[in-house]
Amino acid sequence: GEAKELTPEEKTQREIENRKKITEALRAATKARNKEQIQIALATAEKAGGFSRDNLDIIAAVQAFNELNELSDEVRNKLVADMRKSDPMSADYQGGGNLYLGIFGLMTVLVIAGGK
């Protein structure tokens, strides 16, 4: 069959279903405390958009990810450096398209703020 244009209503409906699936994936990954799954789910959520930073599932996932990571200073510094490279306002800017922006940027900031 030919792909027909989605109506705005259908599009919205699809986005809602999509977010529901991503939310379920986030919850499952968080519950399983599977770092890779959490990372993938967060990246997917970020790509899909429509998730707010104060979304409780996002916060829980980020928190679990941080705990699982318990980033060493070295890794943390590298992440911050990577973020700066993808931040146009930064002197280290090397071009965007870095996954660690958005939610991951926020996540890194949280890691640093809560760092030992």
N, C-alpha and C. Protein backbone atom coordinates (compact mmCIF):
# COMPACT_ATOMS: atom_id res chain seq x y z
N GLY A 1 0.83 -1.21 0.00
CA GLY A 1 0.00 0.00 0.00
C GLY A 1 0.85 1.24 0.00
N GLU A 2 0.30 2.35 -0.45
CA GLU A 2 1.06 3.61 -0.48
C GLU A 2 0.96 4.28 0.89
N ALA A 3 2.04 4.94 1.28
CA ALA A 3 2.04 5.64 2.56
C ALA A 3 1.24 6.92 2.41
N LYS A 4 0.17 7.01 3.14
CA LYS A 4 -0.63 8.24 3.05
C LYS A 4 -0.18 9.21 4.13
N GLU A 5 -0.37 10.49 3.84
CA GLU A 5 -0.01 11.52 4.81
C GLU A 5 -0.83 11.33 6.08
N LEU A 6 -0.18 11.43 7.21
CA LEU A 6 -0.91 11.37 8.47
C LEU A 6 -1.59 12.71 8.72
N THR A 7 -2.81 12.65 9.23
CA THR A 7 -3.47 13.88 9.65
C THR A 7 -2.78 14.34 10.94
N PRO A 8 -2.92 15.62 11.28
CA PRO A 8 -2.33 16.11 12.54
C PRO A 8 -2.79 15.28 13.74
N GLU A 9 -4.06 14.85 13.70
CA GLU A 9 -4.59 14.05 14.81
C GLU A 9 -3.85 12.71 14.90
N GLU A 10 -3.67 12.08 13.74
CA GLU A 10 -2.98 10.79 13.70
C GLU A 10 -1.53 10.94 14.16
N LYS A 11 -0.93 12.04 13.73
CA LYS A 11 0.45 12.32 14.11
C LYS A 11 0.57 12.45 15.63
N THR A 12 -0.34 13.24 16.20
CA THR A 12 -0.35 13.43 17.65
C THR A 12 -0.54 12.10 18.36
N GLN A 13 -1.50 11.33 17.85
CA GLN A 13 -1.80 10.02 18.44
C GLN A 13 -0.55 9.14 18.40
N ARG A 14 0.15 9.16 17.28
CA ARG A 14 1.35 8.35 17.11
C ARG A 14 2.45 8.79 18.08
N GLU A 15 2.58 10.10 18.24
CA GLU A 15 3.58 10.64 19.16
C GLU A 15 3.28 10.24 20.60
N ILE A 16 1.99 10.28 20.95
CA ILE A 16 1.59 9.90 22.31
C ILE A 16 1.92 8.42 22.54
N GLU A 17 1.59 7.58 21.56
CA GLU A 17 1.88 6.15 21.68
C GLU A 17 3.38 5.91 21.77
N ASN A 18 4.11 6.65 20.97
CA ASN A 18 5.57 6.56 20.95
C ASN A 18 6.14 6.89 22.32
N ARG A 19 5.66 8.00 22.88
CA ARG A 19 6.14 8.43 24.21
C ARG A 19 5.81 7.39 25.26
N LYS A 20 4.62 6.77 25.10
CA LYS A 20 4.21 5.75 26.06
C LYS A 20 5.19 4.57 26.01
N LYS A 21 5.56 4.17 24.80
CA LYS A 21 6.50 3.06 24.61
C LYS A 21 7.86 3.42 25.21
N ILE A 22 8.31 4.64 24.94
CA ILE A 22 9.61 5.07 25.45
C ILE A 22 9.59 5.11 26.98
N THR A 23 8.48 5.61 27.53
CA THR A 23 8.33 5.68 28.98
C THR A 23 8.40 4.28 29.59
N GLU A 24 7.73 3.33 28.94
CA GLU A 24 7.76 1.95 29.43
C GLU A 24 9.18 1.40 29.38
N ALA A 25 9.89 1.72 28.30
CA ALA A 25 11.28 1.26 28.14
C ALA A 25 12.16 1.88 29.22
N LEU A 26 11.94 3.17 29.49
CA LEU A 26 12.70 3.87 30.53
C LEU A 26 12.47 3.21 31.89
N ARG A 27 11.20 2.95 32.19
CA ARG A 27 10.87 2.35 33.48
C ARG A 27 11.48 0.96 33.62
N ALA A 28 11.37 0.18 32.56
CA ALA A 28 11.90 -1.19 32.58
C ALA A 28 13.42 -1.16 32.77
N ALA A 29 14.09 -0.29 32.02
CA ALA A 29 15.55 -0.20 32.10
C ALA A 29 15.99 0.27 33.48
N THR A 30 15.24 1.24 34.02
CA THR A 30 15.56 1.79 35.33
C THR A 30 15.39 0.71 36.40
N LYS A 31 14.30 -0.05 36.27
CA LYS A 31 14.01 -1.11 37.23
C LYS A 31 15.08 -2.20 37.16
N ALA A 32 15.49 -2.51 35.93
CA ALA A 32 16.50 -3.56 35.73
C ALA A 32 17.90 -3.03 36.05
N ARG A 33 17.99 -1.70 36.21
CA ARG A 33 19.28 -1.04 36.44
C ARG A 33 20.30 -1.47 35.40
N ASN A 34 19.85 -1.42 34.16
CA ASN A 34 20.71 -1.77 33.03
C ASN A 34 21.19 -0.48 32.38
N LYS A 35 22.46 -0.20 32.57
CA LYS A 35 23.03 1.08 32.15
C LYS A 35 22.86 1.32 30.65
N GLU A 36 23.16 0.30 29.85
CA GLU A 36 23.06 0.47 28.39
C GLU A 36 21.63 0.75 27.99
N GLN A 37 20.69 -0.02 28.56
CA GLN A 37 19.28 0.16 28.22
C GLN A 37 18.80 1.55 28.62
N ILE A 38 19.24 2.00 29.79
CA ILE A 38 18.83 3.34 30.24
C ILE A 38 19.35 4.38 29.26
N GLN A 39 20.60 4.22 28.86
CA GLN A 39 21.22 5.19 27.95
C GLN A 39 20.47 5.23 26.63
N ILE A 40 20.14 4.05 26.11
CA ILE A 40 19.40 3.97 24.84
C ILE A 40 18.02 4.60 24.99
N ALA A 41 17.35 4.28 26.09
CA ALA A 41 15.99 4.80 26.31
C ALA A 41 16.02 6.33 26.43
N LEU A 42 17.03 6.85 27.14
CA LEU A 42 17.14 8.30 27.30
C LEU A 42 17.44 8.97 25.95
N ALA A 43 18.32 8.35 25.19
CA ALA A 43 18.66 8.90 23.87
C ALA A 43 17.44 8.89 22.97
N THR A 44 16.66 7.82 23.05
CA THR A 44 15.44 7.70 22.25
C THR A 44 14.43 8.76 22.67
N ALA A 45 14.31 8.95 23.97
CA ALA A 45 13.38 9.97 24.49
C ALA A 45 13.80 11.34 24.00
N GLU A 46 15.11 11.59 24.03
CA GLU A 46 15.61 12.88 23.60
C GLU A 46 15.32 13.11 22.12
N LYS A 47 15.54 12.09 21.32
CA LYS A 47 15.28 12.18 19.88
C LYS A 47 13.81 12.40 19.61
N ALA A 48 12.98 11.65 20.34
CA ALA A 48 11.53 11.73 20.12
C ALA A 48 10.98 13.09 20.52
N GLY A 49 11.60 13.68 21.53
CA GLY A 49 11.13 14.97 22.01
C GLY A 49 9.83 14.83 22.78
N GLY A 50 9.35 15.93 23.32
CA GLY A 50 8.09 15.91 24.03
C GLY A 50 8.22 15.47 25.48
N PHE A 51 9.44 15.16 25.89
CA PHE A 51 9.66 14.81 27.29
C PHE A 51 10.20 16.04 28.00
N SER A 52 9.63 16.35 29.15
CA SER A 52 10.11 17.52 29.86
C SER A 52 11.20 17.09 30.83
N ARG A 53 12.04 18.03 31.19
CA ARG A 53 13.16 17.73 32.08
C ARG A 53 12.69 17.33 33.46
N ASP A 54 11.47 17.70 33.83
CA ASP A 54 10.99 17.31 35.15
C ASP A 54 10.07 16.09 35.07
N ASN A 55 10.11 15.39 33.93
CA ASN A 55 9.40 14.13 33.80
C ASN A 55 10.00 13.13 34.79
N LEU A 56 9.14 12.57 35.64
CA LEU A 56 9.62 11.73 36.74
C LEU A 56 10.35 10.47 36.23
N ASP A 57 9.89 9.92 35.11
CA ASP A 57 10.55 8.73 34.57
C ASP A 57 11.94 9.07 34.06
N ILE A 58 12.06 10.25 33.44
CA ILE A 58 13.37 10.71 32.96
C ILE A 58 14.30 10.91 34.16
N ILE A 59 13.78 11.60 35.18
CA ILE A 59 14.60 11.88 36.36
C ILE A 59 15.07 10.59 37.02
N ALA A 60 14.15 9.63 37.17
CA ALA A 60 14.49 8.35 37.79
C ALA A 60 15.54 7.62 36.97
N ALA A 61 15.39 7.65 35.64
CA ALA A 61 16.33 6.98 34.76
C ALA A 61 17.71 7.63 34.85
N VAL A 62 17.71 8.96 34.83
CA VAL A 62 18.97 9.70 34.91
C VAL A 62 19.67 9.40 36.24
N GLN A 63 18.88 9.37 37.30
CA GLN A 63 19.42 9.10 38.62
C GLN A 63 20.04 7.71 38.68
N ALA A 64 19.31 6.73 38.16
CA ALA A 64 19.81 5.35 38.14
C ALA A 64 21.08 5.27 37.31
N PHE A 65 21.05 5.96 36.17
CA PHE A 65 22.22 5.95 35.29
C PHE A 65 23.44 6.52 36.03
N ASN A 66 23.21 7.62 36.72
CA ASN A 66 24.30 8.25 37.47
C ASN A 66 24.85 7.32 38.54
N GLU A 67 23.94 6.67 39.25
CA GLU A 67 24.37 5.76 40.32
C GLU A 67 25.15 4.59 39.74
N LEU A 68 24.66 4.07 38.62
CA LEU A 68 25.33 2.94 37.99
C LEU A 68 26.70 3.37 37.48
N ASN A 69 26.76 4.59 37.04
CA ASN A 69 28.00 5.09 36.47
C ASN A 69 29.03 5.42 37.54
N GLU A 70 28.54 6.03 38.63
CA GLU A 70 29.44 6.54 39.65
C GLU A 70 30.74 6.96 38.99
N LEU A 71 30.61 7.92 38.14
CA LEU A 71 31.70 8.31 37.26
C LEU A 71 32.97 8.66 38.01
N SER A 72 34.04 8.11 37.53
CA SER A 72 35.34 8.52 38.04
C SER A 72 35.57 9.96 37.56
N ASP A 73 36.41 10.68 38.26
CA ASP A 73 36.70 12.07 37.87
C ASP A 73 37.17 12.13 36.42
N GLU A 74 37.95 11.15 36.05
CA GLU A 74 38.51 11.12 34.70
C GLU A 74 37.40 11.07 33.66
N VAL A 75 36.48 10.13 33.86
CA VAL A 75 35.37 9.98 32.92
C VAL A 75 34.50 11.22 32.94
N ARG A 76 34.25 11.74 34.13
CA ARG A 76 33.42 12.92 34.28
C ARG A 76 34.04 14.10 33.54
N ASN A 77 35.33 14.28 33.72
CA ASN A 77 36.02 15.39 33.04
C ASN A 77 35.96 15.23 31.53
N LYS A 78 36.08 13.99 31.08
CA LYS A 78 36.03 13.73 29.64
C LYS A 78 34.64 14.08 29.10
N LEU A 79 33.61 13.70 29.86
CA LEU A 79 32.24 14.00 29.44
C LEU A 79 32.03 15.51 29.34
N VAL A 80 32.52 16.21 30.33
CA VAL A 80 32.37 17.67 30.33
C VAL A 80 33.11 18.25 29.14
N ALA A 81 34.30 17.74 28.88
CA ALA A 81 35.08 18.21 27.73
C ALA A 81 34.31 17.93 26.44
N ASP A 82 33.73 16.73 26.35
CA ASP A 82 32.95 16.38 25.16
C ASP A 82 31.76 17.31 25.00
N MET A 83 31.12 17.63 26.11
CA MET A 83 29.98 18.54 26.06
C MET A 83 30.40 19.91 25.55
N ARG A 84 31.52 20.38 26.05
CA ARG A 84 32.01 21.70 25.62
C ARG A 84 32.29 21.71 24.13
N LYS A 85 32.83 20.60 23.64
CA LYS A 85 33.14 20.50 22.21
C LYS A 85 31.89 20.62 21.37
N SER A 86 30.76 20.20 21.93
CA SER A 86 29.53 20.24 21.14
C SER A 86 28.64 21.41 21.53
N ASP A 87 29.16 22.30 22.32
CA ASP A 87 28.42 23.49 22.73
C ASP A 87 28.89 24.69 21.92
N PRO A 88 28.03 25.22 21.04
CA PRO A 88 28.43 26.32 20.16
C PRO A 88 28.93 27.55 20.93
N MET A 89 28.50 27.69 22.19
CA MET A 89 28.90 28.86 22.96
C MET A 89 30.30 28.66 23.55
N SER A 90 30.84 27.45 23.41
CA SER A 90 32.10 27.14 24.05
C SER A 90 33.28 27.33 23.11
N ALA A 91 34.41 27.66 23.70
CA ALA A 91 35.64 27.86 22.94
C ALA A 91 36.10 26.54 22.30
N ASP A 92 35.68 25.43 22.89
CA ASP A 92 36.13 24.12 22.40
C ASP A 92 35.22 23.55 21.32
N TYR A 93 34.26 24.36 20.88
CA TYR A 93 33.23 23.85 19.96
C TYR A 93 33.83 23.17 18.73
N GLN A 94 33.36 21.95 18.46
CA GLN A 94 33.83 21.22 17.28
C GLN A 94 32.69 20.76 16.39
N GLY A 95 31.53 21.36 16.53
CA GLY A 95 30.40 20.92 15.72
C GLY A 95 29.45 20.11 16.56
N GLY A 96 28.17 20.21 16.26
CA GLY A 96 27.14 19.60 17.11
C GLY A 96 26.90 18.14 16.83
N GLY A 97 25.67 17.73 16.97
CA GLY A 97 25.29 16.36 16.72
C GLY A 97 25.78 15.41 17.78
N ASN A 98 26.09 15.94 18.95
CA ASN A 98 26.58 15.08 20.01
C ASN A 98 25.42 14.64 20.89
N LEU A 99 25.30 13.34 21.10
CA LEU A 99 24.20 12.80 21.90
C LEU A 99 24.21 13.31 23.33
N TYR A 100 25.40 13.72 23.80
CA TYR A 100 25.48 14.12 25.20
C TYR A 100 24.92 15.52 25.45
N LEU A 101 24.26 16.06 24.44
CA LEU A 101 23.57 17.34 24.65
C LEU A 101 22.20 17.06 25.25
N GLY A 102 21.46 18.09 25.52
CA GLY A 102 20.09 17.91 25.99
C GLY A 102 20.07 17.14 27.29
N ILE A 103 19.38 16.01 27.26
CA ILE A 103 19.22 15.21 28.47
C ILE A 103 20.58 14.78 29.01
N PHE A 104 21.47 14.36 28.12
CA PHE A 104 22.76 13.90 28.58
C PHE A 104 23.58 15.05 29.15
N GLY A 105 23.42 16.22 28.56
CA GLY A 105 24.08 17.39 29.11
C GLY A 105 23.58 17.65 30.52
N LEU A 106 22.27 17.61 30.66
CA LEU A 106 21.65 17.80 31.97
C LEU A 106 22.14 16.74 32.95
N MET A 107 22.22 15.50 32.43
CA MET A 107 22.64 14.37 33.25
C MET A 107 24.05 14.60 33.78
N THR A 108 24.94 15.03 32.89
CA THR A 108 26.33 15.26 33.28
C THR A 108 26.40 16.34 34.34
N VAL A 109 25.62 17.38 34.14
CA VAL A 109 25.59 18.46 35.14
C VAL A 109 25.15 17.93 36.50
N LEU A 110 24.13 17.06 36.47
CA LEU A 110 23.65 16.46 37.72
C LEU A 110 24.74 15.60 38.35
N VAL A 111 25.44 14.86 37.52
CA VAL A 111 26.52 13.99 38.01
C VAL A 111 27.57 14.84 38.70
N ILE A 112 27.93 15.94 38.04
CA ILE A 112 28.96 16.81 38.61
C ILE A 112 28.48 17.45 39.91
N ALA A 113 27.24 17.92 39.88
CA ALA A 113 26.68 18.59 41.05
C ALA A 113 26.62 17.62 42.22
N GLY A 114 26.29 16.36 41.94
CA GLY A 114 26.16 15.38 43.02
C GLY A 114 27.43 14.60 43.23
N GLY A 115 28.50 15.02 42.54
CA GLY A 115 29.75 14.26 42.55
C GLY A 115 30.39 14.23 43.92
N LYS A 116 31.18 13.20 44.12
CA LYS A 116 31.87 13.05 45.41
C LYS A 116 33.02 14.04 45.50
